[in-house]
Protein backbone atom coordinates (compact mmCIF):
# COMPACT_ATOMS: atom_id res chain seq x y z
CA UNK A 1 45.44 -67.22 15.26
CA UNK A 2 45.70 -70.25 17.38
CA UNK A 3 43.65 -73.25 16.97
CA UNK A 4 43.28 -76.65 18.87
CA UNK A 5 43.51 -79.20 16.16
CA UNK A 6 41.71 -81.63 18.51
CA UNK A 7 38.68 -79.26 18.68
CA UNK A 8 38.62 -79.21 14.82
CA UNK A 9 38.77 -82.84 14.73
CA UNK A 10 36.03 -83.40 17.39
CA UNK A 11 33.80 -81.00 15.31
CA UNK A 12 34.50 -82.98 12.20
CA UNK A 13 33.92 -86.14 13.94
CA UNK A 14 30.50 -84.82 15.32
CA UNK A 15 29.33 -83.77 11.86
CA UNK A 16 30.37 -86.86 9.89
CA UNK A 17 29.92 -89.47 12.38
CA UNK A 18 33.29 -91.15 11.94
CA UNK A 19 36.40 -91.08 13.99
CA UNK A 20 39.07 -88.45 12.79
CA UNK A 21 42.51 -89.92 13.26
CA UNK A 22 45.25 -87.29 14.09
CA UNK A 23 48.57 -88.17 12.05
CA UNK A 24 52.03 -86.85 12.27
CA UNK A 25 52.92 -83.92 9.95
CA UNK A 26 55.37 -84.88 7.45
CA UNK A 27 58.14 -82.57 8.16
CA UNK A 28 60.27 -83.37 5.05
CA UNK A 29 57.21 -82.10 3.04
CA UNK A 30 56.94 -79.03 4.93
CA UNK A 31 60.56 -78.44 4.36
CA UNK A 32 60.01 -78.56 0.66
CA UNK A 33 57.53 -75.52 0.73
CA UNK A 34 58.68 -72.01 -0.05
CA UNK A 35 59.71 -70.20 3.01
CA UNK A 36 56.83 -67.81 2.95
CA UNK A 37 54.32 -70.56 3.07
CA UNK A 38 56.15 -72.76 5.50
CA UNK A 39 56.39 -69.73 7.87
CA UNK A 40 52.71 -68.53 7.61
CA UNK A 41 50.93 -71.62 8.32
CA UNK A 42 51.03 -74.22 10.92
CA UNK A 43 50.46 -77.83 9.55
CA UNK A 44 48.34 -80.63 10.92
CA UNK A 45 47.61 -84.05 9.26
CA UNK A 46 44.46 -86.35 9.97
CA UNK A 47 42.66 -88.79 8.19
CA UNK A 48 38.96 -88.31 7.34
CA UNK A 49 36.85 -90.80 5.50
CA UNK A 50 39.80 -92.69 4.57
CA UNK A 51 41.55 -89.81 3.11
CA UNK A 52 44.83 -88.12 4.43
CA UNK A 53 44.47 -84.21 4.63
CA UNK A 54 46.69 -81.48 5.84
CA UNK A 55 44.86 -78.68 7.77
CA UNK A 56 46.62 -75.46 7.23
CA UNK A 57 46.20 -72.88 9.87
CA UNK A 58 47.44 -69.25 9.28
CA UNK A 59 49.86 -68.07 11.91
CA UNK A 60 48.49 -64.48 11.59
CA UNK A 61 44.82 -63.27 10.89
CA UNK A 62 44.24 -64.07 7.35
CA UNK A 63 44.64 -61.36 4.92
CA UNK A 64 45.21 -63.53 1.80
CA UNK A 65 42.67 -62.86 -0.84
CA UNK A 66 40.77 -65.95 -2.42
CA UNK A 67 42.90 -66.07 -5.41
CA UNK A 68 46.26 -66.09 -3.16
CA UNK A 69 44.86 -69.00 -1.15
CA UNK A 70 44.01 -70.91 -4.31
CA UNK A 71 47.62 -70.40 -5.46
CA UNK A 72 48.97 -71.33 -1.89
CA UNK A 73 46.72 -74.43 -1.99
CA UNK A 74 47.86 -75.78 -5.37
CA UNK A 75 51.52 -75.41 -4.25
CA UNK A 76 50.90 -77.13 -0.93
CA UNK A 77 48.84 -80.10 -2.64
CA UNK A 78 51.68 -80.32 -5.34
CA UNK A 79 54.30 -80.89 -2.53
CA UNK A 80 52.26 -82.75 0.12
CA UNK A 81 50.42 -85.00 -2.63
CA UNK A 82 47.09 -85.05 -0.83
CA UNK A 83 44.37 -82.70 -0.01
CA UNK A 84 44.78 -79.29 1.93
CA UNK A 85 42.13 -77.41 3.89
CA UNK A 86 42.52 -74.04 5.38
CA UNK A 87 41.17 -73.44 8.80
CA UNK A 88 39.87 -69.95 8.67
CA UNK A 89 39.08 -67.84 11.82
CA UNK A 90 36.04 -66.12 9.58
CA UNK A 91 35.08 -65.37 6.13
CA UNK A 92 33.62 -62.07 4.99
CA UNK A 93 30.20 -62.75 3.01
CA UNK A 94 31.67 -61.16 0.06
CA UNK A 95 34.42 -63.53 -0.29
CA UNK A 96 32.51 -66.71 0.24
CA UNK A 97 31.38 -66.96 -3.39
CA UNK A 98 35.14 -66.18 -4.49
CA UNK A 99 36.48 -68.81 -2.27
CA UNK A 100 34.07 -71.67 -3.69
CA UNK A 101 34.42 -70.50 -7.32
CA UNK A 102 38.23 -70.69 -6.93
CA UNK A 103 37.61 -74.24 -5.34
CA UNK A 104 39.48 -73.44 -2.24
CA UNK A 105 39.13 -76.26 0.59
CA UNK A 106 38.40 -74.48 3.97
CA UNK A 107 36.63 -74.78 7.16
CA UNK A 108 35.32 -72.22 9.55
CA UNK A 109 34.66 -74.43 12.55
CA UNK A 110 31.26 -74.69 13.88
CA UNK A 111 30.02 -72.68 10.69
CA UNK A 112 30.97 -73.78 7.30
CA UNK A 113 32.97 -76.58 5.78
CA UNK A 114 33.95 -76.66 1.88
CA UNK A 115 35.80 -79.39 0.83
CA UNK A 116 34.82 -80.32 -2.79
CA UNK A 117 37.61 -82.68 -3.24
CA UNK A 118 36.02 -84.92 -0.72
CA UNK A 119 32.27 -83.91 -1.75
CA UNK A 120 31.74 -82.25 1.60
CA UNK A 121 29.74 -78.76 1.62
CA UNK A 122 28.24 -78.10 5.02
CA UNK A 123 26.92 -74.51 5.87
CA UNK A 124 25.72 -72.71 8.81
CA UNK A 125 25.62 -75.81 11.14
CA UNK A 126 24.92 -73.43 13.99
CA UNK A 127 22.08 -71.01 12.72
CA UNK A 128 21.82 -67.59 13.75
CA UNK A 129 18.44 -65.56 14.53
CA UNK A 130 19.83 -62.39 13.29
CA UNK A 131 18.38 -61.12 10.17
CA UNK A 132 20.69 -59.42 7.57
CA UNK A 133 19.67 -56.06 6.38
CA UNK A 134 18.71 -55.49 2.94
CA UNK A 135 21.38 -54.57 0.30
CA UNK A 136 22.40 -50.89 0.53
CA UNK A 137 20.26 -48.42 -1.74
CA UNK A 138 22.16 -46.94 -4.48
CA UNK A 139 21.69 -43.25 -3.01
CA UNK A 140 23.11 -44.47 0.35
CA UNK A 141 25.98 -46.32 -1.51
CA UNK A 142 26.77 -43.16 -3.31
CA UNK A 143 26.90 -41.08 0.02
CA UNK A 144 29.19 -43.60 1.58
CA UNK A 145 31.41 -43.87 -1.34
CA UNK A 146 31.63 -40.06 -1.62
CA UNK A 147 32.63 -39.97 2.13
CA UNK A 148 35.27 -42.49 1.68
CA UNK A 149 36.84 -41.28 -1.64
CA UNK A 150 35.99 -37.71 -2.56
CA UNK A 151 35.41 -35.53 0.72
CA UNK A 152 34.62 -36.15 4.47
CA UNK A 153 30.95 -35.50 4.89
CA UNK A 154 30.88 -35.50 8.77
CA UNK A 155 29.09 -32.45 9.96
CA UNK A 156 26.95 -32.11 6.71
CA UNK A 157 23.16 -31.42 6.91
CA UNK A 158 20.74 -33.35 4.75
CA UNK A 159 20.28 -30.07 2.82
CA UNK A 160 23.98 -29.86 2.18
CA UNK A 161 24.28 -33.40 1.01
CA UNK A 162 21.36 -33.04 -1.43
CA UNK A 163 23.17 -30.07 -2.76
CA UNK A 164 26.50 -31.91 -3.21
CA UNK A 165 24.87 -34.97 -5.01
CA UNK A 166 22.29 -32.88 -6.83
CA UNK A 167 19.40 -34.99 -5.52
CA UNK A 168 16.01 -34.06 -3.84
CA UNK A 169 15.95 -33.70 -0.13
CA UNK A 170 13.51 -36.46 0.49
CA UNK A 171 15.80 -38.88 -1.55
CA UNK A 172 18.76 -37.94 0.46
CA UNK A 173 16.65 -38.18 3.77
CA UNK A 174 15.54 -41.72 2.99
CA UNK A 175 19.26 -42.84 2.33
CA UNK A 176 20.48 -41.44 5.46
CA UNK A 177 17.56 -42.99 7.50
CA UNK A 178 18.79 -46.44 5.85
CA UNK A 179 22.36 -45.81 6.96
CA UNK A 180 21.32 -44.75 10.39
CA UNK A 181 19.14 -47.79 10.84
CA UNK A 182 22.26 -50.20 9.80
CA UNK A 183 24.66 -48.35 12.02
CA UNK A 184 26.72 -46.74 9.35
CA UNK A 185 25.94 -43.12 10.67
CA UNK A 186 24.43 -41.25 13.50
CA UNK A 187 22.03 -38.47 12.80
CA UNK A 188 23.12 -35.63 15.43
CA UNK A 189 21.28 -32.54 16.53
CA UNK A 190 17.65 -31.71 17.20
CA UNK A 191 15.89 -29.51 14.61
CA UNK A 192 18.64 -29.57 12.03
CA UNK A 193 20.37 -33.04 11.56
CA UNK A 194 23.81 -33.54 10.70
CA UNK A 195 25.73 -36.65 9.80
CA UNK A 196 28.41 -38.48 11.92
CA UNK A 197 29.81 -41.66 10.28
CA UNK A 198 30.50 -44.61 12.64
CA UNK A 199 33.82 -45.15 10.84
CA UNK A 200 36.00 -43.89 7.91
CA UNK A 201 38.06 -45.12 5.15
CA UNK A 202 39.05 -48.72 4.76
CA UNK A 203 37.13 -49.68 8.24
CA UNK A 204 33.97 -48.31 6.80
CA UNK A 205 34.54 -49.81 3.36
CA UNK A 206 35.06 -53.29 4.95
CA UNK A 207 31.99 -52.82 7.09
CA UNK A 208 29.76 -51.75 4.20
CA UNK A 209 31.11 -54.10 1.46
CA UNK A 210 28.88 -57.10 2.21
CA UNK A 211 25.90 -54.90 1.75
CA UNK A 212 26.85 -53.16 -1.37
CA UNK A 213 26.00 -54.01 -4.96
CA UNK A 214 27.19 -53.34 -8.40
CA UNK A 215 26.18 -49.83 -9.54
CA UNK A 216 25.33 -51.03 -13.14
CA UNK A 217 21.58 -50.91 -13.82
CA UNK A 218 21.73 -52.02 -17.67
CA UNK A 219 24.13 -52.24 -20.53
CA UNK A 220 23.49 -50.60 -24.01
CA UNK A 221 25.79 -49.65 -27.17
CA UNK A 222 26.46 -46.83 -29.47
CA UNK A 223 28.67 -46.36 -32.19
CA UNK A 224 30.68 -43.44 -30.44
CA UNK A 225 31.55 -42.51 -26.85
CA UNK A 226 28.62 -40.43 -25.75
CA UNK A 227 29.13 -37.06 -23.91
CA UNK A 228 29.33 -37.01 -20.12
CA UNK A 229 30.78 -40.49 -20.02
CA UNK A 230 33.67 -42.13 -17.99
CA UNK A 231 35.79 -45.00 -18.99
CA UNK A 232 34.82 -47.95 -16.94
CA UNK A 233 35.00 -51.74 -16.47
CA UNK A 234 37.90 -53.61 -18.05
CA UNK A 235 38.96 -50.33 -19.84
CA UNK A 236 39.13 -48.40 -16.43
CA UNK A 237 40.93 -51.50 -14.94
CA UNK A 238 43.45 -51.38 -17.66
CA UNK A 239 44.33 -47.86 -16.45
CA UNK A 240 44.41 -48.59 -12.57
CA UNK A 241 46.19 -52.03 -12.98
CA UNK A 242 48.23 -54.33 -15.44
CA UNK A 243 45.07 -55.85 -17.07
CA UNK A 244 45.01 -55.42 -20.80
CA UNK A 245 42.41 -52.87 -21.96
CA UNK A 246 39.77 -54.21 -24.34
CA UNK A 247 39.86 -53.19 -28.15
CA UNK A 248 36.79 -51.26 -27.82
CA UNK A 249 36.01 -48.89 -24.95
CA UNK A 250 33.70 -49.43 -22.14
CA UNK A 251 31.99 -46.39 -20.51
CA UNK A 252 29.58 -45.59 -17.80
CA UNK A 253 26.80 -42.92 -17.60
CA UNK A 254 24.09 -41.91 -15.29
CA UNK A 255 20.38 -42.57 -15.91
CA UNK A 256 19.83 -38.97 -16.63
CA UNK A 257 22.42 -38.95 -19.42
CA UNK A 258 21.33 -42.28 -20.78
CA UNK A 259 17.61 -40.58 -20.98
CA UNK A 260 19.28 -37.48 -22.52
CA UNK A 261 20.82 -39.11 -25.34
CA UNK A 262 18.56 -42.11 -25.86
CA UNK A 263 18.21 -41.61 -29.67
CA UNK A 264 21.97 -42.50 -30.03
CA UNK A 265 21.79 -45.86 -28.09
CA UNK A 266 21.00 -49.43 -29.16
CA UNK A 267 20.30 -52.53 -27.01
CA UNK A 268 22.43 -54.90 -28.82
CA UNK A 269 25.00 -53.31 -31.39
CA UNK A 270 27.52 -50.62 -31.48
CA UNK A 271 31.42 -50.44 -31.09
CA UNK A 272 31.22 -48.60 -27.50
CA UNK A 273 29.70 -50.66 -24.62
CA UNK A 274 27.84 -48.40 -22.23
CA UNK A 275 27.07 -49.06 -18.62
CA UNK A 276 23.99 -47.03 -17.25
CA UNK A 277 24.85 -46.73 -13.33
CA UNK A 278 22.14 -46.32 -10.71
CA UNK A 279 24.03 -43.22 -9.63
CA UNK A 280 26.06 -40.56 -11.53
CA UNK A 281 29.75 -41.99 -11.78
CA UNK A 282 31.03 -38.37 -12.44
CA UNK A 283 30.13 -37.71 -8.62
CA UNK A 284 32.99 -40.01 -7.61
CA UNK A 285 35.46 -39.44 -10.03
CA UNK A 286 38.25 -36.81 -10.41
CA UNK A 287 39.53 -37.80 -13.89
CA UNK A 288 38.10 -39.51 -17.09
CA UNK A 289 37.86 -42.94 -15.32
CA UNK A 290 35.02 -44.29 -12.76
CA UNK A 291 36.26 -44.36 -9.14
CA UNK A 292 38.24 -47.36 -7.88
CA UNK A 293 35.51 -48.69 -5.30
CA UNK A 294 32.63 -48.49 -7.70
CA UNK A 295 34.86 -50.31 -10.19
CA UNK A 296 35.42 -53.04 -7.73
CA UNK A 297 31.89 -53.49 -7.02
CA UNK A 298 31.36 -53.73 -10.76
CA UNK A 299 33.91 -56.65 -11.31
CA UNK A 300 34.54 -58.38 -7.98
CA UNK A 301 32.19 -61.39 -9.03
CA UNK A 302 33.74 -61.72 -12.48
CA UNK A 303 34.26 -65.28 -13.64
CA UNK A 304 37.55 -64.25 -15.23
CA UNK A 305 40.56 -65.16 -13.07
CA UNK A 306 42.59 -62.25 -14.45
CA UNK A 307 39.85 -59.95 -13.35
CA UNK A 308 39.65 -61.45 -9.94
CA UNK A 309 43.43 -60.82 -9.30
CA UNK A 310 43.39 -57.29 -10.59
CA UNK A 311 40.36 -56.58 -8.19
CA UNK A 312 42.56 -57.42 -5.26
CA UNK A 313 45.25 -55.13 -6.72
CA UNK A 314 42.77 -52.34 -6.93
CA UNK A 315 41.81 -52.43 -3.34
CA UNK A 316 45.47 -53.00 -2.20
CA UNK A 317 46.71 -50.03 -4.09
CA UNK A 318 43.88 -47.87 -2.70
CA UNK A 319 45.11 -44.68 -0.83
CA UNK A 320 42.78 -44.53 2.07
């Protein structure tokens, strides 16, 4: 990624109404950085509102997670002894909250500035008329995750999909129409429609992620692990990553299972925490744990830094 630092300073000057002074970067400070940091960023110093800052520009398209950027920022600020701001090409909407929670200073020219150290938070300077689609319906999300993780669904008819996920034809049809309207699939054929996905694997996941939501509908409790349940949340994360498992298990069940064994559950008390999911977790799992991608969706907005780090690990180790 190549940035013209003069354009960034002009942009900041236009927003703030003060002259931005470009300063020579302290080469001695850059030399003190670990090699990976010094090699992966270009550094430009400037004075803004009486404060010296260093703008760090990734030399390659940014693949760092918000938690990694937070660590890079802390190391750079410790050595430079002043504010560091990352100039990013773009930010996926699902990462915006994670960046701000981690207090990472960043700028996306002409779009967003977040520098809490300078009490600067400016968003969407250039407004778009594009209306974002609604969040993905649970059944549509189930179909998409099934295609990514379990079985390629290209060429499947509506009736075949209804049979795979054990849902009524009209329910599947509504989900497919949503996926088609939002450019995730094409419905091919005339009389009998069949599915063709616009992408597969990681590409499809990245496209869909901003519209996906946690599958958890509510949380209940029981004294024992219910039948037809899968290990979930931090218990499952402890299986997939290095996160320590909680003392008491956390499991996931479908709404149908929750209804079937309703007499065994309590809304507040019990040794086992139970997540009731909007779709059956067993449809996406091949073992006793919930699937990786649904687990990520459950935990990606956690306030626990340990969980945030392991969420990144969960995706990094995903076999697409």
